[in-house]
């Protein structure tokens, strides 16, 4: 999973810096235009990465969801074991 997250993050950064360089080459170079340069690069990279990194984003989301489901299943098992032990200790429903 770390490879997927790392790959996605690096690709997002590369797209951002690519947009930044593109707008700089198009003429947004003066100090007064730097905020506009950053905003345009951020917005453009957001749109580009939304469409071109969809597969990576979906893969990362699926892996995170599966990992969360595994953790939830383990918690349910532990809680079930704890409740069974408490019932046995207190003389619960199974021990009449």
N, C-alpha and C. Protein backbone atom coordinates (compact mmCIF):
# COMPACT_ATOMS: atom_id res chain seq x y z
N UNK A 1 0.81 -1.19 0.00
CA UNK A 1 0.00 0.00 0.00
C UNK A 1 0.86 1.26 0.00
N UNK A 2 2.00 1.19 0.67
CA UNK A 2 2.86 2.37 0.73
C UNK A 2 3.32 2.80 -0.66
N UNK A 3 3.56 1.81 -1.53
CA UNK A 3 3.97 2.14 -2.89
C UNK A 3 2.88 2.90 -3.64
N UNK A 4 1.65 2.52 -3.42
CA UNK A 4 0.53 3.17 -4.10
C UNK A 4 0.39 4.61 -3.63
N UNK A 5 0.45 4.81 -2.33
CA UNK A 5 0.33 6.15 -1.77
C UNK A 5 1.50 7.01 -2.22
N UNK A 6 2.70 6.46 -2.16
CA UNK A 6 3.89 7.20 -2.56
C UNK A 6 3.83 7.54 -4.05
N UNK A 7 3.44 6.59 -4.86
CA UNK A 7 3.35 6.83 -6.31
C UNK A 7 2.33 7.92 -6.61
N UNK A 8 1.17 7.84 -5.97
CA UNK A 8 0.12 8.83 -6.20
C UNK A 8 0.59 10.22 -5.77
N UNK A 9 1.23 10.31 -4.61
CA UNK A 9 1.71 11.60 -4.12
C UNK A 9 2.77 12.20 -5.02
N UNK A 10 3.69 11.37 -5.48
CA UNK A 10 4.74 11.86 -6.38
C UNK A 10 4.15 12.32 -7.71
N UNK A 11 3.19 11.58 -8.22
CA UNK A 11 2.55 11.97 -9.48
C UNK A 11 1.81 13.30 -9.32
N UNK A 12 1.13 13.50 -8.18
CA UNK A 12 0.44 14.77 -7.94
C UNK A 12 1.43 15.93 -7.90
N UNK A 13 2.56 15.72 -7.23
CA UNK A 13 3.58 16.77 -7.17
C UNK A 13 4.17 17.06 -8.54
N UNK A 14 4.40 16.01 -9.32
CA UNK A 14 4.96 16.22 -10.66
C UNK A 14 3.98 17.00 -11.54
N UNK A 15 2.70 16.69 -11.43
CA UNK A 15 1.71 17.42 -12.21
C UNK A 15 1.66 18.88 -11.77
N UNK A 16 1.71 19.12 -10.46
CA UNK A 16 1.70 20.50 -9.97
C UNK A 16 2.90 21.27 -10.48
N UNK A 17 4.10 20.71 -10.34
CA UNK A 17 5.29 21.43 -10.79
C UNK A 17 5.32 21.57 -12.31
N UNK A 18 4.77 20.61 -13.02
CA UNK A 18 4.66 20.74 -14.47
C UNK A 18 3.75 21.90 -14.86
N UNK A 19 2.64 22.03 -14.17
CA UNK A 19 1.73 23.17 -14.42
C UNK A 19 2.40 24.49 -14.03
N UNK A 20 3.11 24.47 -12.93
CA UNK A 20 3.82 25.66 -12.47
C UNK A 20 4.84 26.12 -13.52
N UNK A 21 5.61 25.20 -14.04
CA UNK A 21 6.61 25.53 -15.08
C UNK A 21 5.92 25.99 -16.35
N UNK A 22 4.83 25.33 -16.72
CA UNK A 22 4.10 25.71 -17.92
C UNK A 22 3.61 27.16 -17.84
N UNK A 23 2.98 27.52 -16.74
CA UNK A 23 2.47 28.89 -16.61
C UNK A 23 3.61 29.91 -16.49
N UNK A 24 4.72 29.48 -15.89
CA UNK A 24 5.89 30.37 -15.81
C UNK A 24 6.44 30.63 -17.21
N UNK A 25 6.49 29.57 -18.02
CA UNK A 25 6.98 29.73 -19.39
C UNK A 25 6.01 30.55 -20.25
N UNK A 26 4.74 30.54 -19.90
CA UNK A 26 3.75 31.32 -20.64
C UNK A 26 3.76 32.80 -20.26
N UNK A 27 4.56 33.15 -19.25
CA UNK A 27 4.74 34.57 -18.97
C UNK A 27 4.37 35.06 -17.58
N UNK A 28 3.93 34.19 -16.70
CA UNK A 28 3.62 34.61 -15.33
C UNK A 28 4.89 34.59 -14.49
N UNK A 29 5.74 35.60 -14.69
CA UNK A 29 7.07 35.58 -14.07
C UNK A 29 7.30 36.68 -13.04
N UNK A 30 6.58 37.77 -13.13
CA UNK A 30 6.88 38.88 -12.23
C UNK A 30 6.42 38.56 -10.81
N UNK A 31 6.95 39.31 -9.87
CA UNK A 31 6.64 39.07 -8.47
C UNK A 31 5.16 39.34 -8.18
N UNK A 32 4.57 40.28 -8.90
CA UNK A 32 3.14 40.57 -8.72
C UNK A 32 2.26 39.42 -9.20
N UNK A 33 2.75 38.61 -10.12
CA UNK A 33 1.95 37.53 -10.69
C UNK A 33 2.18 36.19 -9.98
N UNK A 34 3.06 36.15 -8.98
CA UNK A 34 3.35 34.89 -8.30
C UNK A 34 2.13 34.27 -7.62
N UNK A 35 1.29 35.06 -6.93
CA UNK A 35 0.08 34.42 -6.36
C UNK A 35 -0.83 33.83 -7.44
N UNK A 36 -0.99 34.54 -8.54
CA UNK A 36 -1.79 34.02 -9.64
C UNK A 36 -1.17 32.76 -10.22
N UNK A 37 0.15 32.75 -10.34
CA UNK A 37 0.87 31.59 -10.85
C UNK A 37 0.60 30.37 -9.97
N UNK A 38 0.68 30.54 -8.66
CA UNK A 38 0.46 29.42 -7.74
C UNK A 38 -0.98 28.93 -7.76
N UNK A 39 -1.92 29.86 -7.80
CA UNK A 39 -3.33 29.48 -7.81
C UNK A 39 -3.68 28.76 -9.11
N UNK A 40 -3.22 29.29 -10.23
CA UNK A 40 -3.50 28.63 -11.52
C UNK A 40 -2.86 27.24 -11.58
N UNK A 41 -1.63 27.14 -11.11
CA UNK A 41 -0.96 25.83 -11.12
C UNK A 41 -1.67 24.84 -10.22
N UNK A 42 -2.10 25.29 -9.04
CA UNK A 42 -2.80 24.40 -8.12
C UNK A 42 -4.13 23.94 -8.70
N UNK A 43 -4.91 24.87 -9.23
CA UNK A 43 -6.21 24.52 -9.78
C UNK A 43 -6.07 23.61 -11.01
N UNK A 44 -5.16 23.95 -11.89
CA UNK A 44 -4.96 23.14 -13.10
C UNK A 44 -4.47 21.75 -12.74
N UNK A 45 -3.55 21.65 -11.79
CA UNK A 45 -3.04 20.32 -11.41
C UNK A 45 -4.13 19.50 -10.73
N UNK A 46 -5.03 20.16 -10.01
CA UNK A 46 -6.14 19.46 -9.39
C UNK A 46 -7.04 18.83 -10.45
N UNK A 47 -7.37 19.61 -11.47
CA UNK A 47 -8.24 19.11 -12.54
C UNK A 47 -7.55 18.00 -13.33
N UNK A 48 -6.30 18.23 -13.68
CA UNK A 48 -5.55 17.23 -14.46
C UNK A 48 -5.41 15.93 -13.68
N UNK A 49 -5.05 16.02 -12.40
CA UNK A 49 -4.86 14.80 -11.62
C UNK A 49 -6.19 14.09 -11.36
N UNK A 50 -7.29 14.84 -11.28
CA UNK A 50 -8.59 14.21 -11.09
C UNK A 50 -8.90 13.25 -12.25
N UNK A 51 -8.59 13.66 -13.45
CA UNK A 51 -8.89 12.82 -14.60
C UNK A 51 -7.80 11.78 -14.89
N UNK A 52 -6.54 12.17 -14.80
CA UNK A 52 -5.47 11.26 -15.20
C UNK A 52 -4.99 10.32 -14.11
N UNK A 53 -5.28 10.61 -12.86
CA UNK A 53 -4.84 9.73 -11.78
C UNK A 53 -6.01 8.99 -11.14
N UNK A 54 -7.11 8.90 -11.84
CA UNK A 54 -8.30 8.24 -11.30
C UNK A 54 -8.02 6.79 -10.95
N UNK A 55 -7.33 6.07 -11.82
CA UNK A 55 -7.04 4.66 -11.57
C UNK A 55 -6.21 4.48 -10.30
N UNK A 56 -5.18 5.31 -10.14
CA UNK A 56 -4.34 5.22 -8.94
C UNK A 56 -5.12 5.61 -7.69
N UNK A 57 -5.95 6.63 -7.79
CA UNK A 57 -6.74 7.08 -6.65
C UNK A 57 -7.74 5.99 -6.24
N UNK A 58 -8.38 5.35 -7.22
CA UNK A 58 -9.33 4.28 -6.92
C UNK A 58 -8.63 3.07 -6.29
N UNK A 59 -7.46 2.73 -6.80
CA UNK A 59 -6.70 1.61 -6.24
C UNK A 59 -6.31 1.91 -4.79
N UNK A 60 -5.87 3.13 -4.55
CA UNK A 60 -5.47 3.51 -3.20
C UNK A 60 -6.69 3.49 -2.27
N UNK A 61 -7.81 3.98 -2.72
CA UNK A 61 -9.04 3.99 -1.91
C UNK A 61 -9.51 2.56 -1.61
N UNK A 62 -9.45 1.69 -2.60
CA UNK A 62 -9.86 0.31 -2.38
C UNK A 62 -8.96 -0.39 -1.37
N UNK A 63 -7.67 -0.15 -1.45
CA UNK A 63 -6.76 -0.77 -0.49
C UNK A 63 -6.99 -0.23 0.92
N UNK A 64 -7.22 1.06 1.03
CA UNK A 64 -7.49 1.64 2.35
C UNK A 64 -8.81 1.10 2.92
N UNK A 65 -9.83 0.96 2.08
CA UNK A 65 -11.11 0.43 2.54
C UNK A 65 -10.97 -1.02 2.99
N UNK A 66 -10.21 -1.80 2.25
CA UNK A 66 -10.01 -3.21 2.63
C UNK A 66 -9.26 -3.30 3.95
N UNK A 67 -8.27 -2.46 4.13
CA UNK A 67 -7.50 -2.47 5.38
C UNK A 67 -8.38 -2.07 6.56
N UNK A 68 -9.23 -1.08 6.36
CA UNK A 68 -10.14 -0.66 7.44
C UNK A 68 -11.14 -1.76 7.77
N UNK A 69 -11.62 -2.49 6.76
CA UNK A 69 -12.54 -3.59 6.99
C UNK A 69 -11.87 -4.72 7.77
N UNK A 70 -10.60 -5.00 7.45
CA UNK A 70 -9.87 -6.02 8.19
C UNK A 70 -9.71 -5.63 9.65
N UNK A 71 -9.40 -4.37 9.90
CA UNK A 71 -9.26 -3.90 11.28
C UNK A 71 -10.59 -4.01 12.02
N UNK A 72 -11.68 -3.64 11.37
CA UNK A 72 -13.00 -3.72 12.00
C UNK A 72 -13.35 -5.17 12.31
N UNK A 73 -13.02 -6.10 11.42
CA UNK A 73 -13.31 -7.52 11.64
C UNK A 73 -12.50 -8.03 12.83
N UNK A 74 -11.24 -7.63 12.94
CA UNK A 74 -10.43 -8.05 14.08
C UNK A 74 -10.98 -7.50 15.39
N UNK A 75 -11.46 -6.26 15.36
CA UNK A 75 -12.05 -5.68 16.57
C UNK A 75 -13.31 -6.42 16.98
N UNK A 76 -14.13 -6.80 15.99
CA UNK A 76 -15.34 -7.55 16.30
C UNK A 76 -15.00 -8.90 16.93
N UNK A 77 -13.95 -9.55 16.43
CA UNK A 77 -13.53 -10.83 16.99
C UNK A 77 -13.08 -10.67 18.43
N UNK A 78 -12.29 -9.65 18.69
CA UNK A 78 -11.78 -9.42 20.04
C UNK A 78 -12.93 -9.09 20.99
N UNK A 79 -13.86 -8.26 20.55
CA UNK A 79 -15.00 -7.91 21.39
C UNK A 79 -15.85 -9.15 21.67
N UNK A 80 -16.05 -9.98 20.66
CA UNK A 80 -16.82 -11.21 20.85
C UNK A 80 -16.15 -12.14 21.84
N UNK A 81 -14.83 -12.28 21.77
CA UNK A 81 -14.10 -13.12 22.71
C UNK A 81 -14.19 -12.56 24.12
N UNK A 82 -14.10 -11.25 24.25
CA UNK A 82 -14.18 -10.62 25.57
C UNK A 82 -15.55 -10.82 26.19
N UNK A 83 -16.61 -10.69 25.39
CA UNK A 83 -17.96 -10.88 25.92
C UNK A 83 -18.19 -12.32 26.34
N UNK A 84 -17.67 -13.27 25.56
CA UNK A 84 -17.80 -14.69 25.92
C UNK A 84 -17.07 -15.00 27.21
N UNK A 85 -15.89 -14.43 27.40
CA UNK A 85 -15.12 -14.65 28.62
C UNK A 85 -15.84 -14.04 29.82
N UNK A 86 -16.43 -12.87 29.64
CA UNK A 86 -17.17 -12.24 30.74
C UNK A 86 -18.39 -13.05 31.11
N UNK A 87 -19.11 -13.56 30.10
CA UNK A 87 -20.29 -14.37 30.38
C UNK A 87 -19.92 -15.63 31.14
N UNK A 88 -18.84 -16.28 30.77
CA UNK A 88 -18.39 -17.50 31.44
C UNK A 88 -17.96 -17.19 32.86
N UNK A 89 -17.31 -16.07 33.03
CA UNK A 89 -16.83 -15.69 34.36
C UNK A 89 -17.97 -15.33 35.30
N UNK A 90 -19.00 -14.70 34.79
CA UNK A 90 -20.12 -14.26 35.61
C UNK A 90 -21.25 -15.29 35.69
N UNK A 91 -21.08 -16.40 34.99
CA UNK A 91 -22.13 -17.41 34.99
C UNK A 91 -23.30 -16.96 34.12
N UNK A 92 -22.97 -16.48 32.92
CA UNK A 92 -23.96 -15.91 32.01
C UNK A 92 -24.89 -16.94 31.42
N UNK A 93 -25.48 -16.62 30.30
CA UNK A 93 -26.53 -17.45 29.69
C UNK A 93 -26.11 -18.85 29.35
N UNK A 94 -24.84 -19.11 29.09
CA UNK A 94 -24.42 -20.45 28.70
C UNK A 94 -24.28 -21.38 29.90
N UNK A 95 -24.11 -20.86 31.09
CA UNK A 95 -23.88 -21.68 32.26
C UNK A 95 -25.09 -21.63 33.18
N UNK A 96 -26.08 -22.50 32.96
CA UNK A 96 -27.29 -22.52 33.81
C UNK A 96 -27.15 -23.48 34.91
